[in-house]
C-alpha atoms as a PDB file:
ATOM      1  CA  UNK A   1     137.077 106.045  25.482  1.00  0.00           C
ATOM      2  CA  UNK A   2     137.131 108.821  22.837  1.00  0.00           C
ATOM      3  CA  UNK A   3     140.091 111.038  21.993  1.00  0.00           C
ATOM      4  CA  UNK A   4     139.646 113.570  19.190  1.00  0.00           C
ATOM      5  CA  UNK A   5     142.484 115.840  18.057  1.00  0.00           C
ATOM      6  CA  UNK A   6     142.144 118.437  15.293  1.00  0.00           C
ATOM      7  CA  UNK A   7     139.249 116.649  13.559  1.00  0.00           C
ATOM      8  CA  UNK A   8     138.262 118.313  10.264  1.00  0.00           C
ATOM      9  CA  UNK A   9     135.833 117.127   7.603  1.00  0.00           C
ATOM     10  CA  UNK A  10     135.324 118.845   4.239  1.00  0.00           C
ATOM     11  CA  UNK A  11     132.488 118.229   1.778  1.00  0.00           C
ATOM     12  CA  UNK A  12     134.050 119.602  -1.370  1.00  0.00           C
ATOM     13  CA  UNK A  13     135.247 123.079  -0.428  1.00  0.00           C
ATOM     14  CA  UNK A  14     132.930 123.392   2.576  1.00  0.00           C
ATOM     15  CA  UNK A  15     134.183 122.491   6.058  1.00  0.00           C
ATOM     16  CA  UNK A  16     131.384 120.744   7.957  1.00  0.00           C
ATOM     17  CA  UNK A  17     133.594 120.511  11.058  1.00  0.00           C
ATOM     18  CA  UNK A  18     136.921 122.185  11.683  1.00  0.00           C
ATOM     19  CA  UNK A  19     139.718 121.423  14.158  1.00  0.00           C
ATOM     20  CA  UNK A  20     137.581 119.654  16.799  1.00  0.00           C
ATOM     21  CA  UNK A  21     139.402 118.377  19.893  1.00  0.00           C
ATOM     22  CA  UNK A  22     137.801 116.721  22.923  1.00  0.00           C
ATOM     23  CA  UNK A  23     138.017 113.646  25.125  1.00  0.00           C
ATOM     24  CA  UNK A  24     135.330 111.464  26.686  1.00  0.00           C
ATOM     25  CA  UNK A  25     136.099 109.157  29.591  1.00  0.00           C
ATOM     26  CA  UNK A  26     134.782 105.621  29.987  1.00  0.00           C
ATOM     27  CA  UNK A  27     131.339 105.466  31.582  1.00  0.00           C
ATOM     28  CA  UNK A  28     130.411 109.097  30.905  1.00  0.00           C
ATOM     29  CA  UNK A  29     127.119 110.243  29.356  1.00  0.00           C
ATOM     30  CA  UNK A  30     127.892 113.246  27.163  1.00  0.00           C
ATOM     31  CA  UNK A  31     125.361 115.564  25.549  1.00  0.00           C
ATOM     32  CA  UNK A  32     126.332 116.852  22.106  1.00  0.00           C
ATOM     33  CA  UNK A  33     124.417 120.069  21.434  1.00  0.00           C
ATOM     34  CA  UNK A  34     124.149 122.225  18.353  1.00  0.00           C
ATOM     35  CA  UNK A  35     121.717 123.789  15.903  1.00  0.00           C
ATOM     36  CA  UNK A  36     120.769 122.061  12.660  1.00  0.00           C
ATOM     37  CA  UNK A  37     123.762 122.169  10.341  1.00  0.00           C
ATOM     38  CA  UNK A  38     126.233 122.810  13.160  1.00  0.00           C
ATOM     39  CA  UNK A  39     128.206 119.620  12.422  1.00  0.00           C
ATOM     40  CA  UNK A  40     126.801 117.197  15.012  1.00  0.00           C
ATOM     41  CA  UNK A  41     125.816 114.405  12.644  1.00  0.00           C
ATOM     42  CA  UNK A  42     129.049 114.675  10.639  1.00  0.00           C
ATOM     43  CA  UNK A  43     131.085 114.350  13.846  1.00  0.00           C
ATOM     44  CA  UNK A  44     129.072 111.357  15.024  1.00  0.00           C
ATOM     45  CA  UNK A  45     129.421 109.650  11.624  1.00  0.00           C
ATOM     46  CA  UNK A  46     133.203 110.010  11.784  1.00  0.00           C
ATOM     47  CA  UNK A  47     133.196 108.527  15.298  1.00  0.00           C
ATOM     48  CA  UNK A  48     130.934 105.744  14.046  1.00  0.00           C
ATOM     49  CA  UNK A  49     133.317 104.914  11.163  1.00  0.00           C
ATOM     50  CA  UNK A  50     130.699 105.887   8.580  1.00  0.00           C
ATOM     51  CA  UNK A  51     132.759 108.814   7.236  1.00  0.00           C
ATOM     52  CA  UNK A  52     136.510 109.231   6.985  1.00  0.00           C
ATOM     53  CA  UNK A  53     137.952 112.462   8.391  1.00  0.00           C
ATOM     54  CA  UNK A  54     139.692 114.885   6.042  1.00  0.00           C
ATOM     55  CA  UNK A  55     142.354 115.486   8.677  1.00  0.00           C
ATOM     56  CA  UNK A  56     142.962 115.077  12.379  1.00  0.00           C
ATOM     57  CA  UNK A  57     143.105 112.049  14.620  1.00  0.00           C
ATOM     58  CA  UNK A  58     140.288 110.097  16.280  1.00  0.00           C
ATOM     59  CA  UNK A  59     140.884 107.185  18.638  1.00  0.00           C
ATOM     60  CA  UNK A  60     138.117 105.113  20.202  1.00  0.00           C
ATOM     61  CA  UNK A  61     138.987 102.686  22.986  1.00  0.00           C
ATOM     62  CA  UNK A  62     142.605 102.945  21.819  1.00  0.00           C
ATOM     63  CA  UNK A  63     141.912 102.258  18.115  1.00  0.00           C
ATOM     64  CA  UNK A  64     142.315 104.735  15.251  1.00  0.00           C
ATOM     65  CA  UNK A  65     139.230 105.299  13.049  1.00  0.00           C
ATOM     66  CA  UNK A  66     141.259 105.378   9.836  1.00  0.00           C
ATOM     67  CA  UNK A  67     143.462 102.344  10.545  1.00  0.00           C
ATOM     68  CA  UNK A  68     141.223 100.136  12.699  1.00  0.00           C
ATOM     69  CA  UNK A  69     137.577 100.760  11.694  1.00  0.00           C
ATOM     70  CA  UNK A  70     136.593  97.089  11.978  1.00  0.00           C
ATOM     71  CA  UNK A  71     137.915  96.854  15.547  1.00  0.00           C
ATOM     72  CA  UNK A  72     136.045 100.027  16.457  1.00  0.00           C
ATOM     73  CA  UNK A  73     132.774  98.769  14.970  1.00  0.00           C
ATOM     74  CA  UNK A  74     132.943  95.763  17.293  1.00  0.00           C
ATOM     75  CA  UNK A  75     133.044  98.113  20.268  1.00  0.00           C
ATOM     76  CA  UNK A  76     130.424 100.709  19.361  1.00  0.00           C
ATOM     77  CA  UNK A  77     126.698 100.855  18.821  1.00  0.00           C
ATOM     78  CA  UNK A  78     125.618 103.618  16.444  1.00  0.00           C
ATOM     79  CA  UNK A  79     122.156 105.068  15.938  1.00  0.00           C
ATOM     80  CA  UNK A  80     122.393 107.584  13.056  1.00  0.00           C
ATOM     81  CA  UNK A  81     119.777 110.280  12.491  1.00  0.00           C
ATOM     82  CA  UNK A  82     117.982 107.882  10.113  1.00  0.00           C
ATOM     83  CA  UNK A  83     117.901 104.369  11.668  1.00  0.00           C
ATOM     84  CA  UNK A  84     119.363 101.671   9.341  1.00  0.00           C
ATOM     85  CA  UNK A  85     116.304  99.420   9.129  1.00  0.00           C
ATOM     86  CA  UNK A  86     115.148  96.734   6.668  1.00  0.00           C
ATOM     87  CA  UNK A  87     111.403  97.104   6.288  1.00  0.00           C
ATOM     88  CA  UNK A  88     110.825  93.585   4.943  1.00  0.00           C
ATOM     89  CA  UNK A  89     112.220  91.915   8.092  1.00  0.00           C
ATOM     90  CA  UNK A  90     110.515  91.314  11.405  1.00  0.00           C
ATOM     91  CA  UNK A  91     111.897  93.033  14.484  1.00  0.00           C
ATOM     92  CA  UNK A  92     113.407  89.812  15.870  1.00  0.00           C
ATOM     93  CA  UNK A  93     114.864  88.657  12.534  1.00  0.00           C
ATOM     94  CA  UNK A  94     116.442  92.060  11.946  1.00  0.00           C
ATOM     95  CA  UNK A  95     118.051  92.167  15.393  1.00  0.00           C
ATOM     96  CA  UNK A  96     119.408  88.613  14.951  1.00  0.00           C
ATOM     97  CA  UNK A  97     120.827  89.658  11.587  1.00  0.00           C
ATOM     98  CA  UNK A  98     122.516  92.718  13.116  1.00  0.00           C
ATOM     99  CA  UNK A  99     123.883  90.670  16.016  1.00  0.00           C
ATOM    100  CA  UNK A 100     125.375  88.145  13.584  1.00  0.00           C
ATOM    101  CA  UNK A 101     126.996  90.974  11.593  1.00  0.00           C
ATOM    102  CA  UNK A 102     128.479  92.328  14.821  1.00  0.00           C
ATOM    103  CA  UNK A 103     130.071  88.961  15.621  1.00  0.00           C
ATOM    104  CA  UNK A 104     127.843  87.787  18.477  1.00  0.00           C
ATOM    105  CA  UNK A 105     128.471  84.069  19.103  1.00  0.00           C
ATOM    106  CA  UNK A 106     125.667  81.744  17.905  1.00  0.00           C
ATOM    107  CA  UNK A 107     125.003  80.538  21.434  1.00  0.00           C
ATOM    108  CA  UNK A 108     124.534  84.120  22.609  1.00  0.00           C
ATOM    109  CA  UNK A 109     122.370  85.397  19.743  1.00  0.00           C
ATOM    110  CA  UNK A 110     118.875  84.856  21.136  1.00  0.00           C
ATOM    111  CA  UNK A 111     119.775  86.058  24.622  1.00  0.00           C
ATOM    112  CA  UNK A 112     121.262  89.247  23.233  1.00  0.00           C
ATOM    113  CA  UNK A 113     118.258  89.844  20.977  1.00  0.00           C
ATOM    114  CA  UNK A 114     115.782  89.208  23.801  1.00  0.00           C
ATOM    115  CA  UNK A 115     117.693  91.552  26.096  1.00  0.00           C
ATOM    116  CA  UNK A 116     117.813  94.349  23.493  1.00  0.00           C
ATOM    117  CA  UNK A 117     114.071  94.009  22.827  1.00  0.00           C
ATOM    118  CA  UNK A 118     113.271  94.013  26.547  1.00  0.00           C
ATOM    119  CA  UNK A 119     115.351  97.137  27.151  1.00  0.00           C
ATOM    120  CA  UNK A 120     113.634  99.018  24.338  1.00  0.00           C
ATOM    121  CA  UNK A 121     110.088  97.714  25.075  1.00  0.00           C
ATOM    122  CA  UNK A 122     109.880  95.766  21.804  1.00  0.00           C
ATOM    123  CA  UNK A 123     109.298  92.251  23.142  1.00  0.00           C
ATOM    124  CA  UNK A 124     105.620  92.234  22.172  1.00  0.00           C
ATOM    125  CA  UNK A 125     106.494  93.458  18.661  1.00  0.00           C
ATOM    126  CA  UNK A 126     109.116  90.818  17.885  1.00  0.00           C
ATOM    127  CA  UNK A 127     107.108  89.153  15.114  1.00  0.00           C
ATOM    128  CA  UNK A 128     105.914  92.311  13.379  1.00  0.00           C
ATOM    129  CA  UNK A 129     107.337  93.592  10.119  1.00  0.00           C
ATOM    130  CA  UNK A 130     109.389  96.739  10.557  1.00  0.00           C
ATOM    131  CA  UNK A 131     107.418  98.324   7.692  1.00  0.00           C
ATOM    132  CA  UNK A 132     104.254  98.104   9.830  1.00  0.00           C
ATOM    133  CA  UNK A 133     105.709  99.937  12.838  1.00  0.00           C
ATOM    134  CA  UNK A 134     104.996 103.525  13.814  1.00  0.00           C
ATOM    135  CA  UNK A 135     107.816 106.064  13.723  1.00  0.00           C
ATOM    136  CA  UNK A 136     108.293 105.779  17.466  1.00  0.00           C
ATOM    137  CA  UNK A 137     108.670 102.016  17.360  1.00  0.00           C
ATOM    138  CA  UNK A 138     111.032 102.231  14.397  1.00  0.00           C
ATOM    139  CA  UNK A 139     113.189 104.529  16.496  1.00  0.00           C
ATOM    140  CA  UNK A 140     113.179 101.936  19.277  1.00  0.00           C
ATOM    141  CA  UNK A 141     114.343  99.283  16.813  1.00  0.00           C
ATOM    142  CA  UNK A 142     117.161 101.629  15.839  1.00  0.00           C
ATOM    143  CA  UNK A 143     118.255 101.880  19.466  1.00  0.00           C
ATOM    144  CA  UNK A 144     117.929  98.107  19.915  1.00  0.00           C
ATOM    145  CA  UNK A 145     120.253  97.419  16.957  1.00  0.00           C
ATOM    146  CA  UNK A 146     122.827  99.735  18.540  1.00  0.00           C
ATOM    147  CA  UNK A 147     122.594  97.783  21.819  1.00  0.00           C
ATOM    148  CA  UNK A 148     122.272  94.205  20.670  1.00  0.00           C
ATOM    149  CA  UNK A 149     125.970  93.275  20.701  1.00  0.00           C
ATOM    150  CA  UNK A 150     126.749  94.835  24.091  1.00  0.00           C
ATOM    151  CA  UNK A 151     128.980  97.695  22.868  1.00  0.00           C
ATOM    152  CA  UNK A 152     131.319  99.657  25.122  1.00  0.00           C
ATOM    153  CA  UNK A 153     130.360 102.935  23.434  1.00  0.00           C
ATOM    154  CA  UNK A 154     126.901 104.056  22.295  1.00  0.00           C
ATOM    155  CA  UNK A 155     126.577 106.914  19.806  1.00  0.00           C
ATOM    156  CA  UNK A 156     122.971 108.102  19.617  1.00  0.00           C
ATOM    157  CA  UNK A 157     122.031 110.800  17.101  1.00  0.00           C
ATOM    158  CA  UNK A 158     118.653 112.260  18.149  1.00  0.00           C
ATOM    159  CA  UNK A 159     117.370 109.067  19.862  1.00  0.00           C
ATOM    160  CA  UNK A 160     114.112 110.743  20.952  1.00  0.00           C
ATOM    161  CA  UNK A 161     113.231 111.994  17.462  1.00  0.00           C
ATOM    162  CA  UNK A 162     109.568 111.297  16.727  1.00  0.00           C
ATOM    163  CA  UNK A 163     108.806 109.775  20.124  1.00  0.00           C
ATOM    164  CA  UNK A 164     105.708 110.743  22.088  1.00  0.00           C
ATOM    165  CA  UNK A 165     106.059 112.132  25.655  1.00  0.00           C
ATOM    166  CA  UNK A 166     105.720 108.716  27.297  1.00  0.00           C
ATOM    167  CA  UNK A 167     108.293 107.182  24.950  1.00  0.00           C
ATOM    168  CA  UNK A 168     110.668 110.100  25.578  1.00  0.00           C
ATOM    169  CA  UNK A 169     110.550 109.402  29.319  1.00  0.00           C
ATOM    170  CA  UNK A 170     111.163 105.693  28.640  1.00  0.00           C
ATOM    171  CA  UNK A 171     114.150 106.526  26.423  1.00  0.00           C
ATOM    172  CA  UNK A 172     115.557 108.820  29.090  1.00  0.00           C
ATOM    173  CA  UNK A 173     115.299 106.050  31.668  1.00  0.00           C
ATOM    174  CA  UNK A 174     116.960 103.598  29.290  1.00  0.00           C
ATOM    175  CA  UNK A 175     119.934 105.912  28.768  1.00  0.00           C
ATOM    176  CA  UNK A 176     120.177 106.395  32.525  1.00  0.00           C
ATOM    177  CA  UNK A 177     120.332 102.619  32.992  1.00  0.00           C
ATOM    178  CA  UNK A 178     123.170 102.407  30.466  1.00  0.00           C
ATOM    179  CA  UNK A 179     125.307 104.864  32.417  1.00  0.00           C
ATOM    180  CA  UNK A 180     128.475 103.279  33.788  1.00  0.00           C
ATOM    181  CA  UNK A 181     127.920 100.050  31.849  1.00  0.00           C
ATOM    182  CA  UNK A 182     128.424 101.924  28.587  1.00  0.00           C
ATOM    183  CA  UNK A 183     129.906 105.243  27.531  1.00  0.00           C
ATOM    184  CA  UNK A 184     127.154 107.235  25.818  1.00  0.00           C
ATOM    185  CA  UNK A 185     127.427 110.177  23.422  1.00  0.00           C
ATOM    186  CA  UNK A 186     123.941 111.508  22.717  1.00  0.00           C
ATOM    187  CA  UNK A 187     122.830 114.308  20.418  1.00  0.00           C
ATOM    188  CA  UNK A 188     119.439 115.866  21.056  1.00  0.00           C
ATOM    189  CA  UNK A 189     117.355 118.982  20.498  1.00  0.00           C
ATOM    190  CA  UNK A 190     115.096 118.196  23.485  1.00  0.00           C
ATOM    191  CA  UNK A 191     117.272 119.998  25.981  1.00  0.00           C
ATOM    192  CA  UNK A 192     114.911 119.569  28.912  1.00  0.00           C
ATOM    193  CA  UNK A 193     115.305 115.821  28.552  1.00  0.00           C
ATOM    194  CA  UNK A 194     119.025 115.690  27.856  1.00  0.00           C
ATOM    195  CA  UNK A 195     119.729 117.855  30.913  1.00  0.00           C
ATOM    196  CA  UNK A 196     118.428 115.055  33.137  1.00  0.00           C
ATOM    197  CA  UNK A 197     120.741 112.322  31.885  1.00  0.00           C
ATOM    198  CA  UNK A 198     124.097 113.858  30.893  1.00  0.00           C
ATOM    199  CA  UNK A 199     127.239 114.330  32.968  1.00  0.00           C
ATOM    200  CA  UNK A 200     128.496 117.176  30.782  1.00  0.00           C
ATOM    201  CA  UNK A 201     128.081 118.767  27.372  1.00  0.00           C
ATOM    202  CA  UNK A 202     129.893 119.659  24.167  1.00  0.00           C
ATOM    203  CA  UNK A 203     128.358 122.591  22.273  1.00  0.00           C
ATOM    204  CA  UNK A 204     129.130 122.877  18.558  1.00  0.00           C
ATOM    205  CA  UNK A 205     128.386 125.795  16.253  1.00  0.00           C
ATOM    206  CA  UNK A 206     129.360 126.206  12.597  1.00  0.00           C
ATOM    207  CA  UNK A 207     131.611 123.166  12.825  1.00  0.00           C
ATOM    208  CA  UNK A 208     133.577 124.257  15.902  1.00  0.00           C
ATOM    209  CA  UNK A 209     133.327 123.416  19.604  1.00  0.00           C
ATOM    210  CA  UNK A 210     132.363 126.675  21.317  1.00  0.00           C
ATOM    211  CA  UNK A 211     131.815 125.426  24.886  1.00  0.00           C
ATOM    212  CA  UNK A 212     132.202 122.333  27.027  1.00  0.00           C
ATOM    213  CA  UNK A 213     131.538 121.329  30.621  1.00  0.00           C
ATOM    214  CA  UNK A 214     128.760 120.555  33.062  1.00  0.00           C
ATOM    215  CA  UNK A 215     125.588 122.602  33.047  1.00  0.00           C
ATOM    216  CA  UNK A 216     126.836 124.557  36.063  1.00  0.00           C
ATOM    217  CA  UNK A 217     130.240 125.123  34.424  1.00  0.00           C
ATOM    218  CA  UNK A 218     128.633 126.405  31.223  1.00  0.00           C
ATOM    219  CA  UNK A 219     126.461 128.747  33.249  1.00  0.00           C
ATOM    220  CA  UNK A 220     129.484 130.028  35.179  1.00  0.00           C
ATOM    221  CA  UNK A 221     131.484 130.558  31.961  1.00  0.00           C
ATOM    222  CA  UNK A 222     128.670 132.752  30.671  1.00  0.00           C
ATOM    223  CA  UNK A 223     128.348 134.591  33.955  1.00  0.00           C
ATOM    224  CA  UNK A 224     124.740 133.443  33.986  1.00  0.00           C
ATOM    225  CA  UNK A 225     122.468 132.794  36.887  1.00  0.00           C
ATOM    226  CA  UNK A 226     120.828 129.447  37.400  1.00  0.00           C
ATOM    227  CA  UNK A 227     117.396 128.774  38.773  1.00  0.00           C
ATOM    228  CA  UNK A 228     116.327 126.091  41.235  1.00  0.00           C
ATOM    229  CA  UNK A 229     112.723 125.211  42.001  1.00  0.00           C
ATOM    230  CA  UNK A 230     111.899 123.856  45.463  1.00  0.00           C
ATOM    231  CA  UNK A 231     108.743 122.646  47.137  1.00  0.00           C
ATOM    232  CA  UNK A 232     108.818 122.958  50.917  1.00  0.00           C
ATOM    233  CA  UNK A 233     106.536 122.421  53.885  1.00  0.00           C
ATOM    234  CA  UNK A 234     106.674 124.811  56.828  1.00  0.00           C
ATOM    235  CA  UNK A 235     107.122 128.526  57.388  1.00  0.00           C
ATOM    236  CA  UNK A 236     107.542 129.957  53.879  1.00  0.00           C
ATOM    237  CA  UNK A 237     109.035 133.242  55.046  1.00  0.00           C
ATOM    238  CA  UNK A 238     111.518 131.369  57.234  1.00  0.00           C
ATOM    239  CA  UNK A 239     112.459 129.293  54.182  1.00  0.00           C
ATOM    240  CA  UNK A 240     112.984 132.444  52.122  1.00  0.00           C
ATOM    241  CA  UNK A 241     115.206 133.966  54.795  1.00  0.00           C
ATOM    242  CA  UNK A 242     117.274 130.784  55.118  1.00  0.00           C
ATOM    243  CA  UNK A 243     117.774 130.585  51.342  1.00  0.00           C
ATOM    244  CA  UNK A 244     118.721 134.246  50.974  1.00  0.00           C
ATOM    245  CA  UNK A 245     121.460 133.702  53.568  1.00  0.00           C
ATOM    246  CA  UNK A 246     123.214 131.158  51.301  1.00  0.00           C
ATOM    247  CA  UNK A 247     126.232 132.653  49.543  1.00  0.00           C
ATOM    248  CA  UNK A 248     125.579 132.871  45.793  1.00  0.00           C
ATOM    249  CA  UNK A 249     121.799 133.284  46.042  1.00  0.00           C
ATOM    250  CA  UNK A 250     120.654 136.466  44.317  1.00  0.00           C
ATOM    251  CA  UNK A 251     116.874 136.141  44.523  1.00  0.00           C
ATOM    252  CA  UNK A 252     114.157 134.003  46.130  1.00  0.00           C
ATOM    253  CA  UNK A 253     110.485 134.216  45.173  1.00  0.00           C
ATOM    254  CA  UNK A 254     107.410 132.342  46.382  1.00  0.00           C
ATOM    255  CA  UNK A 255     105.812 130.997  43.218  1.00  0.00           C
ATOM    256  CA  UNK A 256     102.855 129.265  44.859  1.00  0.00           C
ATOM    257  CA  UNK A 257     101.558 128.851  48.412  1.00  0.00           C
ATOM    258  CA  UNK A 258      98.728 126.548  49.496  1.00  0.00           C
ATOM    259  CA  UNK A 259      97.879 124.241  52.381  1.00  0.00           C
ATOM    260  CA  UNK A 260     101.161 124.671  54.218  1.00  0.00           C
ATOM    261  CA  UNK A 261     103.191 123.938  51.069  1.00  0.00           C
ATOM    262  CA  UNK A 262     105.237 126.537  49.255  1.00  0.00           C
ATOM    263  CA  UNK A 263     106.861 126.468  45.808  1.00  0.00           C
ATOM    264  CA  UNK A 264     109.999 128.579  45.739  1.00  0.00           C
ATOM    265  CA  UNK A 265     112.190 129.740  42.869  1.00  0.00           C
ATOM    266  CA  UNK A 266     115.791 130.476  43.768  1.00  0.00           C
ATOM    267  CA  UNK A 267     118.219 132.267  41.433  1.00  0.00           C
ATOM    268  CA  UNK A 268     121.817 131.217  42.074  1.00  0.00           C
ATOM    269  CA  UNK A 269     125.291 131.739  40.702  1.00  0.00           C
ATOM    270  CA  UNK A 270     126.443 128.218  39.852  1.00  0.00           C
ATOM    271  CA  UNK A 271     125.400 124.853  41.291  1.00  0.00           C
ATOM    272  CA  UNK A 272     124.072 125.338  44.847  1.00  0.00           C
ATOM    273  CA  UNK A 273     121.320 122.736  45.270  1.00  0.00           C
ATOM    274  CA  UNK A 274     123.115 120.890  48.075  1.00  0.00           C
ATOM    275  CA  UNK A 275     123.747 124.150  49.953  1.00  0.00           C
ATOM    276  CA  UNK A 276     120.102 125.193  49.576  1.00  0.00           C
ATOM    277  CA  UNK A 277     118.817 121.923  50.988  1.00  0.00           C
ATOM    278  CA  UNK A 278     121.219 122.075  53.943  1.00  0.00           C
ATOM    279  CA  UNK A 279     120.067 125.618  54.758  1.00  0.00           C
ATOM    280  CA  UNK A 280     116.406 124.616  54.723  1.00  0.00           C
ATOM    281  CA  UNK A 281     116.978 121.536  56.873  1.00  0.00           C
ATOM    282  CA  UNK A 282     118.936 123.641  59.367  1.00  0.00           C
ATOM    283  CA  UNK A 283     115.960 126.037  59.513  1.00  0.00           C
ATOM    284  CA  UNK A 284     113.621 123.106  60.268  1.00  0.00           C
ATOM    285  CA  UNK A 285     111.848 123.417  56.898  1.00  0.00           C
ATOM    286  CA  UNK A 286     110.851 120.174  55.165  1.00  0.00           C
ATOM    287  CA  UNK A 287     112.148 119.837  51.597  1.00  0.00           C
ATOM    288  CA  UNK A 288     109.751 117.874  49.363  1.00  0.00           C
ATOM    289  CA  UNK A 289     111.223 118.549  45.905  1.00  0.00           C
ATOM    290  CA  UNK A 290     114.339 120.096  44.356  1.00  0.00           C
ATOM    291  CA  UNK A 291     114.627 120.658  40.598  1.00  0.00           C
ATOM    292  CA  UNK A 292     116.798 122.707  38.339  1.00  0.00           C
ATOM    293  CA  UNK A 293     114.686 125.115  36.350  1.00  0.00           C
ATOM    294  CA  UNK A 294     113.544 123.345  33.182  1.00  0.00           C
ATOM    295  CA  UNK A 295     114.503 126.350  31.085  1.00  0.00           C
ATOM    296  CA  UNK A 296     118.056 126.600  32.363  1.00  0.00           C
ATOM    297  CA  UNK A 297     119.894 124.511  29.764  1.00  0.00           C
ATOM    298  CA  UNK A 298     117.788 126.016  26.990  1.00  0.00           C
ATOM    299  CA  UNK A 299     118.814 129.512  28.091  1.00  0.00           C
ATOM    300  CA  UNK A 300     122.490 128.546  28.250  1.00  0.00           C
ATOM    301  CA  UNK A 301     122.260 126.972  24.793  1.00  0.00           C
ATOM    302  CA  UNK A 302     120.579 130.042  23.310  1.00  0.00           C
ATOM    303  CA  UNK A 303     123.174 132.345  24.838  1.00  0.00           C
ATOM    304  CA  UNK A 304     125.988 130.247  23.412  1.00  0.00           C
ATOM    305  CA  UNK A 305     124.542 129.874  19.923  1.00  0.00           C
ATOM    306  CA  UNK A 306     122.688 133.157  19.505  1.00  0.00           C
ATOM    307  CA  UNK A 307     124.277 135.435  22.084  1.00  0.00           C
ATOM    308  CA  UNK A 308     120.968 136.020  23.841  1.00  0.00           C
ATOM    309  CA  UNK A 309     119.029 134.577  26.788  1.00  0.00           C
END
């Protein structure tokens, strides 16, 4: 879906991004991580045909961004860091306007608009002026305009910006639902949320890609340990023994024990959740919950960008 080779963008004499190369397959959900000023938004704007590259080659769904921008715009939905909204329009009128610009057939307009509003929980706000909406709802309208024409690729620059905790969960579920139907490239600072929806990650620093891969692959590249949190029912000490016997497990601690339930924290080298569950089941210990440690991606990100855990 996306093929980037040697992408460079200068603002005057300053290189915002330099010699970026990566590919994204159809149907993937990719997390694009980086500190403020790292070059994320510039990269996304080039992919979204908002900025022209200084040099390099970018192809989206087989089309070149410099030669075929209009064909690419038909195939992508782009939410920039500041949503492109018209305050004087109602939510429904704005989405119809965007759908018309994107070439949606007249007979399909209302269905597409209704579907985009339903997916972003805006149906009950359809008649309200955009100027009257809270920041969170304005962000939803921005996502809806990116979805309304049924694009093959969604580029979302900080889609959870300004959303409250409930809205963040709703946005996460929306992106999950889009997986497979659309290719999604999403930039976010809320790493605990992005870790639950992405297949793999691109990490950018000072305009250059410094790491890429799944969360487990990034951890392995750094030689870092991962942490898994489990809730089990049964003999806690038996569970600890079974987990310690799994190759790659370096430490197991009982974080909480009450009423026959135990919360365990397991430090592993790489992705071992499936192996941990199999070991517990074999030991006749009931597994009630398995989660990657919420801090894991944050720690990886900090190590990559700051050289510290």
